[in-house]
Amino acid sequence: MPGFVLLVRAREDGDPTIRIGITVSKKVGNAVTRNRMKRRFRALARELLAAEGIPGADHVLIGRQAGIERPFAELRAELVKALARVRR
């Protein structure tokens, strides 16, 4: 099971800016855990979305319980795979 869900929706407003949204619910853990996941997602977004993201679309990462202690490299590989799937 992946550590997050990726939702991508084209805005169709002519603006090529890639926007990112991050959400982690209280079901995942306490505030410390949720904030750690959000920091990791922001780092992933900075690293990958500029090159792999879809221009003119909103990208939303939804944190899941399975992603709490997942190594950063695995989360990165999952995001690359998810972005490739969305591009098809």
PDB file of N, CA and C in Angstrom:
ATOM      1  N   MET A   1       0.841  -1.177   0.000  1.00  0.00           N
ATOM      2  CA  MET A   1       0.000   0.000   0.000  1.00  0.00           C
ATOM      3  C   MET A   1       0.889   1.245   0.000  1.00  0.00           C
ATOM      4  N   PRO A   2       0.606   2.195  -0.898  1.00  0.00           N
ATOM      5  CA  PRO A   2       1.444   3.402  -0.962  1.00  0.00           C
ATOM      6  C   PRO A   2       1.273   4.280   0.265  1.00  0.00           C
ATOM      7  N   GLY A   3       2.240   5.159   0.481  1.00  0.00           N
ATOM      8  CA  GLY A   3       2.218   6.037   1.628  1.00  0.00           C
ATOM      9  C   GLY A   3       1.395   7.290   1.418  1.00  0.00           C
ATOM     10  N   PHE A   4       0.812   7.450   0.232  1.00  0.00           N
ATOM     11  CA  PHE A   4       0.020   8.636  -0.068  1.00  0.00           C
ATOM     12  C   PHE A   4      -0.887   8.356  -1.250  1.00  0.00           C
ATOM     13  N   VAL A   5      -1.820   9.260  -1.457  1.00  0.00           N
ATOM     14  CA  VAL A   5      -2.670   9.254  -2.643  1.00  0.00           C
ATOM     15  C   VAL A   5      -2.356  10.540  -3.387  1.00  0.00           C
ATOM     16  N   LEU A   6      -2.192  10.454  -4.691  1.00  0.00           N
ATOM     17  CA  LEU A   6      -1.924  11.629  -5.511  1.00  0.00           C
ATOM     18  C   LEU A   6      -3.144  11.915  -6.375  1.00  0.00           C
ATOM     19  N   LEU A   7      -3.671  13.131  -6.250  1.00  0.00           N
ATOM     20  CA  LEU A   7      -4.763  13.586  -7.104  1.00  0.00           C
ATOM     21  C   LEU A   7      -4.232  14.711  -7.982  1.00  0.00           C
ATOM     22  N   VAL A   8      -4.531  14.644  -9.270  1.00  0.00           N
ATOM     23  CA  VAL A   8      -4.089  15.680 -10.207  1.00  0.00           C
ATOM     24  C   VAL A   8      -5.297  16.117 -11.014  1.00  0.00           C
ATOM     25  N   ARG A   9      -5.480  17.430 -11.070  1.00  0.00           N
ATOM     26  CA  ARG A   9      -6.606  17.972 -11.823  1.00  0.00           C
ATOM     27  C   ARG A   9      -6.140  19.182 -12.618  1.00  0.00           C
ATOM     28  N   ALA A  10      -6.383  19.153 -13.914  1.00  0.00           N
ATOM     29  CA  ALA A  10      -6.017  20.282 -14.773  1.00  0.00           C
ATOM     30  C   ALA A  10      -6.937  21.456 -14.478  1.00  0.00           C
ATOM     31  N   ARG A  11      -6.376  22.668 -14.406  1.00  0.00           N
ATOM     32  CA  ARG A  11      -7.171  23.856 -14.110  1.00  0.00           C
ATOM     33  C   ARG A  11      -7.813  24.448 -15.356  1.00  0.00           C
ATOM     34  N   GLU A  12      -7.180  24.271 -16.499  1.00  0.00           N
ATOM     35  CA  GLU A  12      -7.688  24.756 -17.784  1.00  0.00           C
ATOM     36  C   GLU A  12      -7.937  26.270 -17.781  1.00  0.00           C
ATOM     37  N   ASP A  13      -7.024  27.010 -17.137  1.00  0.00           N
ATOM     38  CA  ASP A  13      -7.137  28.465 -17.123  1.00  0.00           C
ATOM     39  C   ASP A  13      -6.019  29.133 -17.914  1.00  0.00           C
ATOM     40  N   GLY A  14      -5.190  28.341 -18.571  1.00  0.00           N
ATOM     41  CA  GLY A  14      -4.118  28.896 -19.384  1.00  0.00           C
ATOM     42  C   GLY A  14      -2.847  29.229 -18.618  1.00  0.00           C
ATOM     43  N   ASP A  15      -2.860  29.078 -17.314  1.00  0.00           N
ATOM     44  CA  ASP A  15      -1.691  29.359 -16.480  1.00  0.00           C
ATOM     45  C   ASP A  15      -0.872  28.076 -16.325  1.00  0.00           C
ATOM     46  N   PRO A  16       0.397  28.071 -16.745  1.00  0.00           N
ATOM     47  CA  PRO A  16       1.192  26.842 -16.681  1.00  0.00           C
ATOM     48  C   PRO A  16       1.770  26.531 -15.295  1.00  0.00           C
ATOM     49  N   THR A  17       1.411  27.308 -14.291  1.00  0.00           N
ATOM     50  CA  THR A  17       1.951  27.102 -12.951  1.00  0.00           C
ATOM     51  C   THR A  17       1.479  25.772 -12.376  1.00  0.00           C
ATOM     52  N   ILE A  18       2.414  25.047 -11.771  1.00  0.00           N
ATOM     53  CA  ILE A  18       2.091  23.804 -11.069  1.00  0.00           C
ATOM     54  C   ILE A  18       1.809  24.165  -9.618  1.00  0.00           C
ATOM     55  N   ARG A  19       0.622  23.811  -9.140  1.00  0.00           N
ATOM     56  CA  ARG A  19       0.277  24.089  -7.748  1.00  0.00           C
ATOM     57  C   ARG A  19       0.242  22.774  -6.971  1.00  0.00           C
ATOM     58  N   ILE A  20       0.558  22.871  -5.665  1.00  0.00           N
ATOM     59  CA  ILE A  20       0.617  21.680  -4.813  1.00  0.00           C
ATOM     60  C   ILE A  20      -0.243  21.905  -3.577  1.00  0.00           C
ATOM     61  N   GLY A  21      -0.927  20.861  -3.176  1.00  0.00           N
ATOM     62  CA  GLY A  21      -1.680  20.854  -1.929  1.00  0.00           C
ATOM     63  C   GLY A  21      -1.290  19.617  -1.151  1.00  0.00           C
ATOM     64  N   ILE A  22      -1.184  19.749   0.155  1.00  0.00           N
ATOM     65  CA  ILE A  22      -0.784  18.629   0.998  1.00  0.00           C
ATOM     66  C   ILE A  22      -1.764  18.528   2.155  1.00  0.00           C
ATOM     67  N   THR A  23      -2.246  17.332   2.405  1.00  0.00           N
ATOM     68  CA  THR A  23      -3.153  17.122   3.523  1.00  0.00           C
ATOM     69  C   THR A  23      -2.841  15.790   4.199  1.00  0.00           C
ATOM     70  N   VAL A  24      -2.882  15.826   5.521  1.00  0.00           N
ATOM     71  CA  VAL A  24      -2.681  14.618   6.329  1.00  0.00           C
ATOM     72  C   VAL A  24      -3.714  14.691   7.453  1.00  0.00           C
ATOM     73  N   SER A  25      -4.619  13.725   7.512  1.00  0.00           N
ATOM     74  CA  SER A  25      -5.699  13.788   8.492  1.00  0.00           C
ATOM     75  C   SER A  25      -5.247  13.322   9.876  1.00  0.00           C
ATOM     76  N   LYS A  26      -6.083  13.594  10.857  1.00  0.00           N
ATOM     77  CA  LYS A  26      -5.781  13.202  12.236  1.00  0.00           C
ATOM     78  C   LYS A  26      -5.776  11.694  12.418  1.00  0.00           C
ATOM     79  N   LYS A  27      -6.350  10.964  11.488  1.00  0.00           N
ATOM     80  CA  LYS A  27      -6.344   9.499  11.558  1.00  0.00           C
ATOM     81  C   LYS A  27      -4.925   8.946  11.437  1.00  0.00           C
ATOM     82  N   VAL A  28      -4.054   9.714  10.815  1.00  0.00           N
ATOM     83  CA  VAL A  28      -2.681   9.262  10.581  1.00  0.00           C
ATOM     84  C   VAL A  28      -1.856   9.295  11.863  1.00  0.00           C
ATOM     85  N   GLY A  29      -2.072  10.291  12.701  1.00  0.00           N
ATOM     86  CA  GLY A  29      -1.291  10.373  13.932  1.00  0.00           C
ATOM     87  C   GLY A  29      -1.442  11.725  14.602  1.00  0.00           C
ATOM     88  N   ASN A  30      -0.591  11.957  15.570  1.00  0.00           N
ATOM     89  CA  ASN A  30      -0.651  13.231  16.296  1.00  0.00           C
ATOM     90  C   ASN A  30      -0.024  14.348  15.452  1.00  0.00           C
ATOM     91  N   ALA A  31      -0.026  15.566  15.993  1.00  0.00           N
ATOM     92  CA  ALA A  31       0.446  16.734  15.237  1.00  0.00           C
ATOM     93  C   ALA A  31       1.901  16.601  14.811  1.00  0.00           C
ATOM     94  N   VAL A  32       2.730  16.042  15.666  1.00  0.00           N
ATOM     95  CA  VAL A  32       4.151  15.880  15.344  1.00  0.00           C
ATOM     96  C   VAL A  32       4.308  14.967  14.128  1.00  0.00           C
ATOM     97  N   THR A  33       3.579  13.874  14.112  1.00  0.00           N
ATOM     98  CA  THR A  33       3.644  12.918  13.008  1.00  0.00           C
ATOM     99  C   THR A  33       3.110  13.536  11.716  1.00  0.00           C
ATOM    100  N   ARG A  34       1.978  14.216  11.807  1.00  0.00           N
ATOM    101  CA  ARG A  34       1.383  14.834  10.617  1.00  0.00           C
ATOM    102  C   ARG A  34       2.304  15.902  10.040  1.00  0.00           C
ATOM    103  N   ASN A  35       2.896  16.726  10.893  1.00  0.00           N
ATOM    104  CA  ASN A  35       3.797  17.769  10.405  1.00  0.00           C
ATOM    105  C   ASN A  35       5.051  17.182   9.777  1.00  0.00           C
ATOM    106  N   ARG A  36       5.542  16.085  10.325  1.00  0.00           N
ATOM    107  CA  ARG A  36       6.715  15.421   9.731  1.00  0.00           C
ATOM    108  C   ARG A  36       6.387  14.923   8.330  1.00  0.00           C
ATOM    109  N   MET A  37       5.200  14.322   8.179  1.00  0.00           N
ATOM    110  CA  MET A  37       4.794  13.845   6.851  1.00  0.00           C
ATOM    111  C   MET A  37       4.658  15.011   5.878  1.00  0.00           C
ATOM    112  N   LYS A  38       4.092  16.117   6.336  1.00  0.00           N
ATOM    113  CA  LYS A  38       3.943  17.279   5.463  1.00  0.00           C
ATOM    114  C   LYS A  38       5.299  17.827   5.031  1.00  0.00           C
ATOM    115  N   ARG A  39       6.259  17.860   5.946  1.00  0.00           N
ATOM    116  CA  ARG A  39       7.616  18.317   5.587  1.00  0.00           C
ATOM    117  C   ARG A  39       8.230  17.403   4.537  1.00  0.00           C
ATOM    118  N   ARG A  40       8.039  16.107   4.699  1.00  0.00           N
ATOM    119  CA  ARG A  40       8.585  15.154   3.721  1.00  0.00           C
ATOM    120  C   ARG A  40       7.914  15.328   2.361  1.00  0.00           C
ATOM    121  N   PHE A  41       6.593  15.550   2.352  1.00  0.00           N
ATOM    122  CA  PHE A  41       5.882  15.772   1.095  1.00  0.00           C
ATOM    123  C   PHE A  41       6.337  17.053   0.418  1.00  0.00           C
ATOM    124  N   ARG A  42       6.568  18.118   1.197  1.00  0.00           N
ATOM    125  CA  ARG A  42       7.061  19.362   0.608  1.00  0.00           C
ATOM    126  C   ARG A  42       8.437  19.167  -0.016  1.00  0.00           C
ATOM    127  N   ALA A  43       9.291  18.389   0.650  1.00  0.00           N
ATOM    128  CA  ALA A  43      10.623  18.110   0.096  1.00  0.00           C
ATOM    129  C   ALA A  43      10.503  17.318  -1.208  1.00  0.00           C
ATOM    130  N   LEU A  44       9.597  16.344  -1.243  1.00  0.00           N
ATOM    131  CA  LEU A  44       9.369  15.583  -2.476  1.00  0.00           C
ATOM    132  C   LEU A  44       8.866  16.493  -3.593  1.00  0.00           C
ATOM    133  N   ALA A  45       7.942  17.373  -3.257  1.00  0.00           N
ATOM    134  CA  ALA A  45       7.376  18.272  -4.262  1.00  0.00           C
ATOM    135  C   ALA A  45       8.447  19.196  -4.832  1.00  0.00           C
ATOM    136  N   ARG A  46       9.289  19.758  -3.971  1.00  0.00           N
ATOM    137  CA  ARG A  46      10.374  20.635  -4.457  1.00  0.00           C
ATOM    138  C   ARG A  46      11.305  19.876  -5.396  1.00  0.00           C
ATOM    139  N   GLU A  47      11.564  18.627  -5.045  1.00  0.00           N
ATOM    140  CA  GLU A  47      12.526  17.832  -5.811  1.00  0.00           C
ATOM    141  C   GLU A  47      11.965  17.349  -7.148  1.00  0.00           C
ATOM    142  N   LEU A  48      10.687  16.958  -7.184  1.00  0.00           N
ATOM    143  CA  LEU A  48      10.168  16.255  -8.354  1.00  0.00           C
ATOM    144  C   LEU A  48       9.154  17.007  -9.203  1.00  0.00           C
ATOM    145  N   LEU A  49       8.325  17.830  -8.608  1.00  0.00           N
ATOM    146  CA  LEU A  49       7.213  18.389  -9.373  1.00  0.00           C
ATOM    147  C   LEU A  49       7.642  19.333 -10.481  1.00  0.00           C
ATOM    148  N   ALA A  50       8.718  20.055 -10.313  1.00  0.00           N
ATOM    149  CA  ALA A  50       9.153  20.973 -11.374  1.00  0.00           C
ATOM    150  C   ALA A  50       9.453  20.218 -12.667  1.00  0.00           C
ATOM    151  N   ALA A  51      10.049  19.044 -12.547  1.00  0.00           N
ATOM    152  CA  ALA A  51      10.420  18.269 -13.733  1.00  0.00           C
ATOM    153  C   ALA A  51       9.353  17.259 -14.140  1.00  0.00           C
ATOM    154  N   GLU A  52       8.692  16.642 -13.174  1.00  0.00           N
ATOM    155  CA  GLU A  52       7.779  15.536 -13.454  1.00  0.00           C
ATOM    156  C   GLU A  52       6.303  15.930 -13.429  1.00  0.00           C
ATOM    157  N   GLY A  53       5.987  17.078 -12.826  1.00  0.00           N
ATOM    158  CA  GLY A  53       4.587  17.486 -12.677  1.00  0.00           C
ATOM    159  C   GLY A  53       3.960  17.902 -13.993  1.00  0.00           C
ATOM    160  N   ILE A  54       2.655  18.044 -13.980  1.00  0.00           N
ATOM    161  CA  ILE A  54       1.907  18.431 -15.170  1.00  0.00           C
ATOM    162  C   ILE A  54       1.654  19.937 -15.117  1.00  0.00           C
ATOM    163  N   PRO A  55       2.177  20.688 -16.083  1.00  0.00           N
ATOM    164  CA  PRO A  55       1.977  22.143 -16.077  1.00  0.00           C
ATOM    165  C   PRO A  55       0.491  22.492 -16.158  1.00  0.00           C
ATOM    166  N   GLY A  56       0.100  23.505 -15.399  1.00  0.00           N
ATOM    167  CA  GLY A  56      -1.281  23.964 -15.422  1.00  0.00           C
ATOM    168  C   GLY A  56      -2.235  23.076 -14.649  1.00  0.00           C
ATOM    169  N   ALA A  57      -1.700  22.280 -13.713  1.00  0.00           N
ATOM    170  CA  ALA A  57      -2.551  21.361 -12.948  1.00  0.00           C
ATOM    171  C   ALA A  57      -2.314  21.541 -11.459  1.00  0.00           C
ATOM    172  N   ASP A  58      -3.327  21.177 -10.688  1.00  0.00           N
ATOM    173  CA  ASP A  58      -3.213  21.136  -9.242  1.00  0.00           C
ATOM    174  C   ASP A  58      -2.860  19.716  -8.835  1.00  0.00           C
ATOM    175  N   HIS A  59      -1.851  19.565  -7.996  1.00  0.00           N
ATOM    176  CA  HIS A  59      -1.412  18.266  -7.499  1.00  0.00           C
ATOM    177  C   HIS A  59      -1.681  18.235  -5.994  1.00  0.00           C
ATOM    178  N   VAL A  60      -2.387  17.232  -5.526  1.00  0.00           N
ATOM    179  CA  VAL A  60      -2.703  17.117  -4.107  1.00  0.00           C
ATOM    180  C   VAL A  60      -2.162  15.786  -3.590  1.00  0.00           C
ATOM    181  N   LEU A  61      -1.338  15.866  -2.555  1.00  0.00           N
ATOM    182  CA  LEU A  61      -0.810  14.673  -1.889  1.00  0.00           C
ATOM    183  C   LEU A  61      -1.592  14.475  -0.597  1.00  0.00           C
ATOM    184  N   ILE A  62      -2.182  13.300  -0.441  1.00  0.00           N
ATOM    185  CA  ILE A  62      -2.944  12.965   0.751  1.00  0.00           C
ATOM    186  C   ILE A  62      -2.174  11.883   1.492  1.00  0.00           C
ATOM    187  N   GLY A  63      -1.701  12.209   2.678  1.00  0.00           N
ATOM    188  CA  GLY A  63      -0.905  11.274   3.463  1.00  0.00           C
ATOM    189  C   GLY A  63      -1.732  10.117   3.997  1.00  0.00           C
ATOM    190  N   ARG A  64      -1.149   8.944   4.015  1.00  0.00           N
ATOM    191  CA  ARG A  64      -1.792   7.740   4.523  1.00  0.00           C
ATOM    192  C   ARG A  64      -0.960   7.145   5.648  1.00  0.00           C
ATOM    193  N   GLN A  65      -1.596   6.312   6.442  1.00  0.00           N
ATOM    194  CA  GLN A  65      -0.960   5.675   7.596  1.00  0.00           C
ATOM    195  C   GLN A  65       0.287   4.888   7.182  1.00  0.00           C
ATOM    196  N   ALA A  66       0.264   4.285   6.005  1.00  0.00           N
ATOM    197  CA  ALA A  66       1.385   3.462   5.552  1.00  0.00           C
ATOM    198  C   ALA A  66       2.645   4.272   5.272  1.00  0.00           C
ATOM    199  N   GLY A  67       2.527   5.591   5.153  1.00  0.00           N
ATOM    200  CA  GLY A  67       3.677   6.406   4.805  1.00  0.00           C
ATOM    201  C   GLY A  67       4.417   7.011   5.975  1.00  0.00           C
ATOM    202  N   ILE A  68       3.982   6.725   7.187  1.00  0.00           N
ATOM    203  CA  ILE A  68       4.575   7.385   8.355  1.00  0.00           C
ATOM    204  C   ILE A  68       6.068   7.105   8.476  1.00  0.00           C
ATOM    205  N   GLU A  69       6.451   5.868   8.510  1.00  0.00           N
ATOM    206  CA  GLU A  69       7.861   5.515   8.712  1.00  0.00           C
ATOM    207  C   GLU A  69       8.517   4.971   7.454  1.00  0.00           C
ATOM    208  N   ARG A  70       7.905   5.201   6.316  1.00  0.00           N
ATOM    209  CA  ARG A  70       8.461   4.722   5.059  1.00  0.00           C
ATOM    210  C   ARG A  70       9.712   5.528   4.719  1.00  0.00           C
ATOM    211  N   PRO A  71      10.754   4.879   4.277  1.00  0.00           N
ATOM    212  CA  PRO A  71      11.976   5.611   3.898  1.00  0.00           C
ATOM    213  C   PRO A  71      11.702   6.623   2.780  1.00  0.00           C
ATOM    214  N   PHE A  72      12.426   7.733   2.841  1.00  0.00           N
ATOM    215  CA  PHE A  72      12.234   8.817   1.882  1.00  0.00           C
ATOM    216  C   PHE A  72      12.440   8.331   0.447  1.00  0.00           C
ATOM    217  N   ALA A  73      13.400   7.460   0.230  1.00  0.00           N
ATOM    218  CA  ALA A  73      13.673   6.955  -1.121  1.00  0.00           C
ATOM    219  C   ALA A  73      12.478   6.182  -1.677  1.00  0.00           C
ATOM    220  N   GLU A  74      11.792   5.439  -0.815  1.00  0.00           N
ATOM    221  CA  GLU A  74      10.603   4.700  -1.274  1.00  0.00           C
ATOM    222  C   GLU A  74       9.465   5.660  -1.619  1.00  0.00           C
ATOM    223  N   LEU A  75       9.275   6.690  -0.788  1.00  0.00           N
ATOM    224  CA  LEU A  75       8.241   7.678  -1.092  1.00  0.00           C
ATOM    225  C   LEU A  75       8.550   8.382  -2.412  1.00  0.00           C
ATOM    226  N   ARG A  76       9.828   8.680  -2.630  1.00  0.00           N
ATOM    227  CA  ARG A  76      10.231   9.333  -3.874  1.00  0.00           C
ATOM    228  C   ARG A  76       9.933   8.440  -5.074  1.00  0.00           C
ATOM    229  N   ALA A  77      10.273   7.155  -4.969  1.00  0.00           N
ATOM    230  CA  ALA A  77      10.012   6.213  -6.060  1.00  0.00           C
ATOM    231  C   ALA A  77       8.508   6.083  -6.319  1.00  0.00           C
ATOM    232  N   GLU A  78       7.709   6.070  -5.264  1.00  0.00           N
ATOM    233  CA  GLU A  78       6.257   5.976  -5.429  1.00  0.00           C
ATOM    234  C   GLU A  78       5.707   7.216  -6.119  1.00  0.00           C
ATOM    235  N   LEU A  79       6.228   8.390  -5.774  1.00  0.00           N
ATOM    236  CA  LEU A  79       5.750   9.617  -6.410  1.00  0.00           C
ATOM    237  C   LEU A  79       6.151   9.669  -7.880  1.00  0.00           C
ATOM    238  N   VAL A  80       7.356   9.248  -8.188  1.00  0.00           N
ATOM    239  CA  VAL A  80       7.783   9.195  -9.600  1.00  0.00           C
ATOM    240  C   VAL A  80       6.869   8.261 -10.378  1.00  0.00           C
ATOM    241  N   LYS A  81       6.562   7.115  -9.824  1.00  0.00           N
ATOM    242  CA  LYS A  81       5.682   6.144 -10.480  1.00  0.00           C
ATOM    243  C   LYS A  81       4.274   6.708 -10.641  1.00  0.00           C
ATOM    244  N   ALA A  82       3.755   7.381  -9.614  1.00  0.00           N
ATOM    245  CA  ALA A  82       2.405   7.954  -9.684  1.00  0.00           C
ATOM    246  C   ALA A  82       2.338   9.063 -10.729  1.00  0.00           C
ATOM    247  N   LEU A  83       3.361   9.921 -10.780  1.00  0.00           N
ATOM    248  CA  LEU A  83       3.382  10.999 -11.773  1.00  0.00           C
ATOM    249  C   LEU A  83       3.484  10.447 -13.196  1.00  0.00           C
ATOM    250  N   ALA A  84       4.255   9.376 -13.360  1.00  0.00           N
ATOM    251  CA  ALA A  84       4.352   8.745 -14.692  1.00  0.00           C
ATOM    252  C   ALA A  84       3.006   8.165 -15.098  1.00  0.00           C
ATOM    253  N   ARG A  85       2.297   7.577 -14.147  1.00  0.00           N
ATOM    254  CA  ARG A  85       0.980   6.996 -14.442  1.00  0.00           C
ATOM    255  C   ARG A  85      -0.014   8.111 -14.834  1.00  0.00           C
ATOM    256  N   VAL A  86       0.073   9.247 -14.173  1.00  0.00           N
ATOM    257  CA  VAL A  86      -0.832  10.356 -14.471  1.00  0.00           C
ATOM    258  C   VAL A  86      -0.526  10.939 -15.845  1.00  0.00           C
ATOM    259  N   ARG A  87       0.741  10.987 -16.211  1.00  0.00           N
ATOM    260  CA  ARG A  87       1.130  11.552 -17.514  1.00  0.00           C
ATOM    261  C   ARG A  87       0.604  10.738 -18.686  1.00  0.00           C
ATOM    262  N   ARG A  88       0.363   9.440 -18.490  1.00  0.00           N
ATOM    263  CA  ARG A  88      -0.116   8.584 -19.595  1.00  0.00           C
ATOM    264  C   ARG A  88      -1.499   8.894 -19.989  1.00  0.00           C
TER     265      ARG A  88
END
